[in-house]
Amino acid sequence: MKSVVIAVAAASALSLPLAAFSQTDPSLTRAQVRAELQQFEQAGYDPAKSDDATYPGDIQAAAARIPADSSTAYGGMPAGSSSSGSRAVVRPASTDEMKQIYFGGQ
């Protein structure tokens, strides 16, 4: 009996966080997502040739070209910008730099 109570308590404790992921508002339908993607493609956005470094700028530029009074639009793009996705240039360390790292600059 004690093991049944422990099992029920463990199951309820583990299932409790799943309630945090539930959505209360209705999600988008597949047709709405396809319609929006077609709008972006007509505005010049090509999802096949975008990469992580240019994605935010490409999608925001296409969103700016879509008219705000479009009949299939269901939301807006937030104003503002972000700067993420830039790639760092990496080069191998020189011999002098390796000496500074491992031998304290000697």
N, C-alpha and C. Protein backbone atom coordinates (compact mmCIF):
# COMPACT_ATOMS: atom_id res chain seq x y z
N MET A 1 0.82 -1.19 0.00
CA MET A 1 0.00 0.00 0.00
C MET A 1 0.86 1.25 0.00
N LYS A 2 1.94 1.19 0.78
CA LYS A 2 2.82 2.34 0.86
C LYS A 2 3.50 2.62 -0.49
N SER A 3 3.83 1.57 -1.23
CA SER A 3 4.47 1.75 -2.53
C SER A 3 3.50 2.34 -3.55
N VAL A 4 2.21 2.05 -3.43
CA VAL A 4 1.20 2.61 -4.34
C VAL A 4 1.08 4.12 -4.10
N VAL A 5 1.10 4.53 -2.84
CA VAL A 5 1.01 5.95 -2.50
C VAL A 5 2.24 6.68 -3.02
N ILE A 6 3.40 6.09 -2.88
CA ILE A 6 4.63 6.70 -3.37
C ILE A 6 4.60 6.80 -4.90
N ALA A 7 4.11 5.78 -5.56
CA ALA A 7 4.04 5.79 -7.02
C ALA A 7 3.07 6.86 -7.52
N VAL A 8 1.93 7.01 -6.86
CA VAL A 8 0.96 8.03 -7.25
C VAL A 8 1.54 9.43 -6.99
N ALA A 9 2.20 9.61 -5.88
CA ALA A 9 2.80 10.91 -5.57
C ALA A 9 3.90 11.24 -6.57
N ALA A 10 4.71 10.27 -6.94
CA ALA A 10 5.78 10.51 -7.91
C ALA A 10 5.22 10.82 -9.29
N ALA A 11 4.19 10.09 -9.69
CA ALA A 11 3.59 10.33 -11.00
C ALA A 11 2.95 11.71 -11.07
N SER A 12 2.28 12.12 -10.00
CA SER A 12 1.67 13.45 -10.01
C SER A 12 2.73 14.55 -9.96
N ALA A 13 3.80 14.33 -9.24
CA ALA A 13 4.87 15.33 -9.18
C ALA A 13 5.58 15.46 -10.53
N LEU A 14 5.73 14.36 -11.24
CA LEU A 14 6.39 14.41 -12.54
C LEU A 14 5.48 14.97 -13.63
N SER A 15 4.18 14.80 -13.49
CA SER A 15 3.26 15.31 -14.51
C SER A 15 2.87 16.77 -14.27
N LEU A 16 3.14 17.31 -13.13
CA LEU A 16 2.80 18.69 -12.82
C LEU A 16 3.48 19.70 -13.74
N PRO A 17 4.78 19.57 -14.05
CA PRO A 17 5.39 20.54 -14.96
C PRO A 17 4.81 20.52 -16.37
N LEU A 18 4.17 19.44 -16.78
CA LEU A 18 3.58 19.39 -18.11
C LEU A 18 2.44 20.39 -18.26
N ALA A 19 1.80 20.75 -17.17
CA ALA A 19 0.72 21.73 -17.23
C ALA A 19 1.26 23.11 -17.59
N ALA A 20 2.51 23.37 -17.30
CA ALA A 20 3.10 24.66 -17.63
C ALA A 20 3.28 24.84 -19.13
N PHE A 21 3.36 23.74 -19.88
CA PHE A 21 3.56 23.81 -21.32
C PHE A 21 2.25 23.85 -22.10
N SER A 22 1.14 23.72 -21.44
CA SER A 22 -0.13 23.72 -22.17
C SER A 22 -0.45 25.12 -22.66
N GLN A 23 -1.09 25.19 -23.82
CA GLN A 23 -1.43 26.47 -24.41
C GLN A 23 -2.90 26.77 -24.15
N THR A 24 -3.16 27.98 -23.69
CA THR A 24 -4.54 28.35 -23.44
C THR A 24 -5.16 29.02 -24.66
N ASP A 25 -4.33 29.67 -25.50
CA ASP A 25 -4.87 30.31 -26.70
C ASP A 25 -4.80 29.34 -27.88
N PRO A 26 -5.69 29.48 -28.83
CA PRO A 26 -5.64 28.56 -29.97
C PRO A 26 -4.39 28.82 -30.82
N SER A 27 -3.76 27.76 -31.24
CA SER A 27 -2.55 27.91 -32.03
C SER A 27 -2.91 28.12 -33.50
N LEU A 28 -1.92 28.46 -34.29
CA LEU A 28 -2.14 28.71 -35.70
C LEU A 28 -2.45 27.42 -36.43
N THR A 29 -3.27 27.55 -37.45
CA THR A 29 -3.55 26.38 -38.27
C THR A 29 -2.47 26.25 -39.33
N ARG A 30 -2.40 25.10 -39.93
CA ARG A 30 -1.42 24.87 -40.98
C ARG A 30 -1.65 25.80 -42.16
N ALA A 31 -2.92 26.06 -42.47
CA ALA A 31 -3.25 26.95 -43.58
C ALA A 31 -2.78 28.38 -43.30
N GLN A 32 -2.89 28.84 -42.06
CA GLN A 32 -2.42 30.18 -41.71
C GLN A 32 -0.91 30.29 -41.86
N VAL A 33 -0.20 29.26 -41.43
CA VAL A 33 1.26 29.28 -41.53
C VAL A 33 1.70 29.26 -42.98
N ARG A 34 1.04 28.44 -43.81
CA ARG A 34 1.38 28.39 -45.23
C ARG A 34 1.09 29.72 -45.92
N ALA A 35 -0.04 30.35 -45.57
CA ALA A 35 -0.39 31.64 -46.16
C ALA A 35 0.65 32.70 -45.80
N GLU A 36 1.11 32.69 -44.57
CA GLU A 36 2.13 33.66 -44.17
C GLU A 36 3.44 33.39 -44.88
N LEU A 37 3.81 32.14 -45.01
CA LEU A 37 5.05 31.81 -45.72
C LEU A 37 4.97 32.24 -47.18
N GLN A 38 3.83 32.07 -47.82
CA GLN A 38 3.66 32.53 -49.19
C GLN A 38 3.79 34.04 -49.28
N GLN A 39 3.25 34.74 -48.30
CA GLN A 39 3.39 36.21 -48.28
C GLN A 39 4.86 36.61 -48.20
N PHE A 40 5.60 35.95 -47.33
CA PHE A 40 7.02 36.28 -47.18
C PHE A 40 7.79 35.95 -48.45
N GLU A 41 7.46 34.83 -49.09
CA GLU A 41 8.15 34.47 -50.32
C GLU A 41 7.84 35.46 -51.44
N GLN A 42 6.60 35.94 -51.50
CA GLN A 42 6.23 36.94 -52.51
C GLN A 42 6.92 38.27 -52.23
N ALA A 43 7.25 38.53 -50.98
CA ALA A 43 7.95 39.77 -50.61
C ALA A 43 9.45 39.66 -50.81
N GLY A 44 9.95 38.49 -51.25
CA GLY A 44 11.37 38.35 -51.55
C GLY A 44 12.16 37.47 -50.60
N TYR A 45 11.52 36.87 -49.62
CA TYR A 45 12.24 36.02 -48.67
C TYR A 45 12.33 34.61 -49.23
N ASP A 46 13.52 34.03 -49.21
CA ASP A 46 13.72 32.67 -49.68
C ASP A 46 14.26 31.84 -48.53
N PRO A 47 13.42 30.99 -47.91
CA PRO A 47 13.89 30.24 -46.75
C PRO A 47 14.96 29.20 -47.10
N ALA A 48 15.07 28.83 -48.37
CA ALA A 48 16.06 27.82 -48.75
C ALA A 48 17.48 28.37 -48.78
N LYS A 49 17.64 29.66 -49.01
CA LYS A 49 19.00 30.19 -49.12
C LYS A 49 19.42 31.05 -47.93
N SER A 50 18.61 31.12 -46.91
CA SER A 50 19.01 31.90 -45.74
C SER A 50 19.89 31.06 -44.82
N ASP A 51 20.73 31.72 -44.07
CA ASP A 51 21.55 31.04 -43.08
C ASP A 51 21.40 31.77 -41.75
N ASP A 52 22.02 31.25 -40.72
CA ASP A 52 21.84 31.80 -39.38
C ASP A 52 22.32 33.24 -39.26
N ALA A 53 23.34 33.61 -40.01
CA ALA A 53 23.90 34.95 -39.88
C ALA A 53 23.01 36.01 -40.50
N THR A 54 22.29 35.68 -41.58
CA THR A 54 21.48 36.67 -42.28
C THR A 54 19.99 36.51 -42.05
N TYR A 55 19.59 35.50 -41.29
CA TYR A 55 18.16 35.23 -41.12
C TYR A 55 17.38 36.41 -40.53
N PRO A 56 17.81 37.01 -39.43
CA PRO A 56 16.97 38.07 -38.87
C PRO A 56 16.77 39.24 -39.83
N GLY A 57 17.81 39.65 -40.50
CA GLY A 57 17.70 40.77 -41.43
C GLY A 57 16.84 40.43 -42.63
N ASP A 58 17.00 39.20 -43.16
CA ASP A 58 16.22 38.79 -44.33
C ASP A 58 14.73 38.74 -44.02
N ILE A 59 14.36 38.16 -42.91
CA ILE A 59 12.94 38.01 -42.59
C ILE A 59 12.32 39.36 -42.22
N GLN A 60 13.09 40.23 -41.57
CA GLN A 60 12.57 41.55 -41.22
C GLN A 60 12.41 42.42 -42.46
N ALA A 61 13.32 42.31 -43.42
CA ALA A 61 13.19 43.07 -44.66
C ALA A 61 11.97 42.62 -45.45
N ALA A 62 11.72 41.32 -45.49
CA ALA A 62 10.54 40.81 -46.19
C ALA A 62 9.28 41.24 -45.47
N ALA A 63 9.30 41.24 -44.14
CA ALA A 63 8.11 41.64 -43.38
C ALA A 63 7.81 43.12 -43.59
N ALA A 64 8.84 43.93 -43.80
CA ALA A 64 8.62 45.35 -44.03
C ALA A 64 7.97 45.60 -45.40
N ARG A 65 8.20 44.69 -46.34
CA ARG A 65 7.61 44.84 -47.67
C ARG A 65 6.18 44.34 -47.76
N ILE A 66 5.72 43.60 -46.77
CA ILE A 66 4.35 43.09 -46.77
C ILE A 66 3.43 44.20 -46.28
N PRO A 67 2.35 44.50 -47.02
CA PRO A 67 1.45 45.57 -46.58
C PRO A 67 0.79 45.22 -45.26
N ALA A 68 0.61 46.22 -44.42
CA ALA A 68 0.04 46.00 -43.09
C ALA A 68 -1.44 45.66 -43.14
N ASP A 69 -2.14 46.08 -44.20
CA ASP A 69 -3.58 45.82 -44.28
C ASP A 69 -3.89 44.55 -45.06
N SER A 70 -2.97 43.62 -45.12
CA SER A 70 -3.18 42.38 -45.85
C SER A 70 -4.30 41.57 -45.21
N SER A 71 -5.12 40.96 -46.04
CA SER A 71 -6.29 40.26 -45.52
C SER A 71 -5.93 38.95 -44.83
N THR A 72 -4.78 38.36 -45.16
CA THR A 72 -4.41 37.10 -44.52
C THR A 72 -3.46 37.30 -43.35
N ALA A 73 -3.12 38.52 -43.07
CA ALA A 73 -2.21 38.76 -41.95
C ALA A 73 -2.96 38.58 -40.64
N TYR A 74 -2.29 38.07 -39.66
CA TYR A 74 -2.92 37.83 -38.37
C TYR A 74 -2.08 38.34 -37.23
N GLY A 75 -1.10 39.11 -37.51
CA GLY A 75 -0.26 39.65 -36.46
C GLY A 75 0.80 40.52 -37.07
N GLY A 76 1.56 41.16 -36.25
CA GLY A 76 2.58 42.05 -36.76
C GLY A 76 3.95 41.63 -36.31
N MET A 77 4.94 42.19 -36.96
CA MET A 77 6.31 41.96 -36.54
C MET A 77 6.65 42.97 -35.46
N PRO A 78 7.28 42.57 -34.41
CA PRO A 78 7.62 43.52 -33.36
C PRO A 78 8.66 44.52 -33.85
N ALA A 79 8.52 45.74 -33.42
CA ALA A 79 9.48 46.77 -33.79
C ALA A 79 10.78 46.56 -33.00
N GLY A 80 11.87 46.94 -33.60
CA GLY A 80 13.14 46.81 -32.91
C GLY A 80 14.09 45.96 -33.71
N SER A 81 15.20 45.68 -33.14
CA SER A 81 16.19 44.87 -33.83
C SER A 81 16.97 44.07 -32.81
N SER A 82 17.70 43.12 -33.33
CA SER A 82 18.58 42.33 -32.48
C SER A 82 19.84 42.05 -33.26
N SER A 83 20.89 41.81 -32.54
CA SER A 83 22.15 41.51 -33.21
C SER A 83 22.67 40.19 -32.67
N SER A 84 22.20 39.14 -33.28
CA SER A 84 22.67 37.82 -32.89
C SER A 84 22.99 37.05 -34.16
N GLY A 85 23.75 36.02 -34.02
CA GLY A 85 24.06 35.18 -35.15
C GLY A 85 25.32 35.57 -35.90
N SER A 86 26.07 36.53 -35.41
CA SER A 86 27.29 36.89 -36.11
C SER A 86 28.35 35.83 -35.83
N ARG A 87 29.11 35.56 -36.85
CA ARG A 87 30.13 34.53 -36.72
C ARG A 87 31.46 35.14 -36.32
N ALA A 88 32.12 34.52 -35.40
CA ALA A 88 33.42 35.00 -34.95
C ALA A 88 34.50 34.47 -35.89
N VAL A 89 35.47 35.31 -36.18
CA VAL A 89 36.58 34.90 -37.02
C VAL A 89 37.61 34.22 -36.12
N VAL A 90 37.95 33.00 -36.44
CA VAL A 90 38.88 32.23 -35.62
C VAL A 90 40.11 31.91 -36.45
N ARG A 91 41.26 32.16 -35.87
CA ARG A 91 42.52 31.82 -36.53
C ARG A 91 43.37 31.08 -35.52
N PRO A 92 44.28 30.27 -36.00
CA PRO A 92 45.16 29.56 -35.07
C PRO A 92 46.09 30.53 -34.35
N ALA A 93 46.43 30.19 -33.13
CA ALA A 93 47.34 31.03 -32.35
C ALA A 93 48.76 30.85 -32.88
N SER A 94 49.50 31.94 -32.86
CA SER A 94 50.90 31.89 -33.30
C SER A 94 51.75 31.27 -32.19
N THR A 95 53.01 31.03 -32.51
CA THR A 95 53.92 30.43 -31.52
C THR A 95 54.10 31.35 -30.33
N ASP A 96 54.23 32.63 -30.58
CA ASP A 96 54.40 33.59 -29.48
C ASP A 96 53.15 33.63 -28.59
N GLU A 97 51.98 33.58 -29.21
CA GLU A 97 50.74 33.58 -28.43
C GLU A 97 50.59 32.31 -27.61
N MET A 98 51.04 31.18 -28.17
CA MET A 98 50.99 29.93 -27.41
C MET A 98 51.92 29.99 -26.20
N LYS A 99 53.08 30.61 -26.36
CA LYS A 99 54.00 30.75 -25.23
C LYS A 99 53.39 31.62 -24.14
N GLN A 100 52.68 32.70 -24.55
CA GLN A 100 52.04 33.55 -23.56
C GLN A 100 50.95 32.80 -22.80
N ILE A 101 50.24 31.94 -23.51
CA ILE A 101 49.16 31.19 -22.86
C ILE A 101 49.70 30.17 -21.88
N TYR A 102 50.68 29.36 -22.34
CA TYR A 102 51.13 28.23 -21.53
C TYR A 102 52.29 28.53 -20.59
N PHE A 103 53.09 29.52 -20.92
CA PHE A 103 54.25 29.80 -20.11
C PHE A 103 54.24 31.16 -19.48
N GLY A 104 53.12 31.84 -19.47
CA GLY A 104 53.00 33.11 -18.78
C GLY A 104 53.73 34.25 -19.46
N GLY A 105 53.84 34.24 -20.77
CA GLY A 105 54.43 35.36 -21.50
C GLY A 105 55.94 35.32 -21.60
N GLN A 106 56.56 34.19 -21.33
CA GLN A 106 58.03 34.12 -21.38
C GLN A 106 58.50 33.74 -22.76
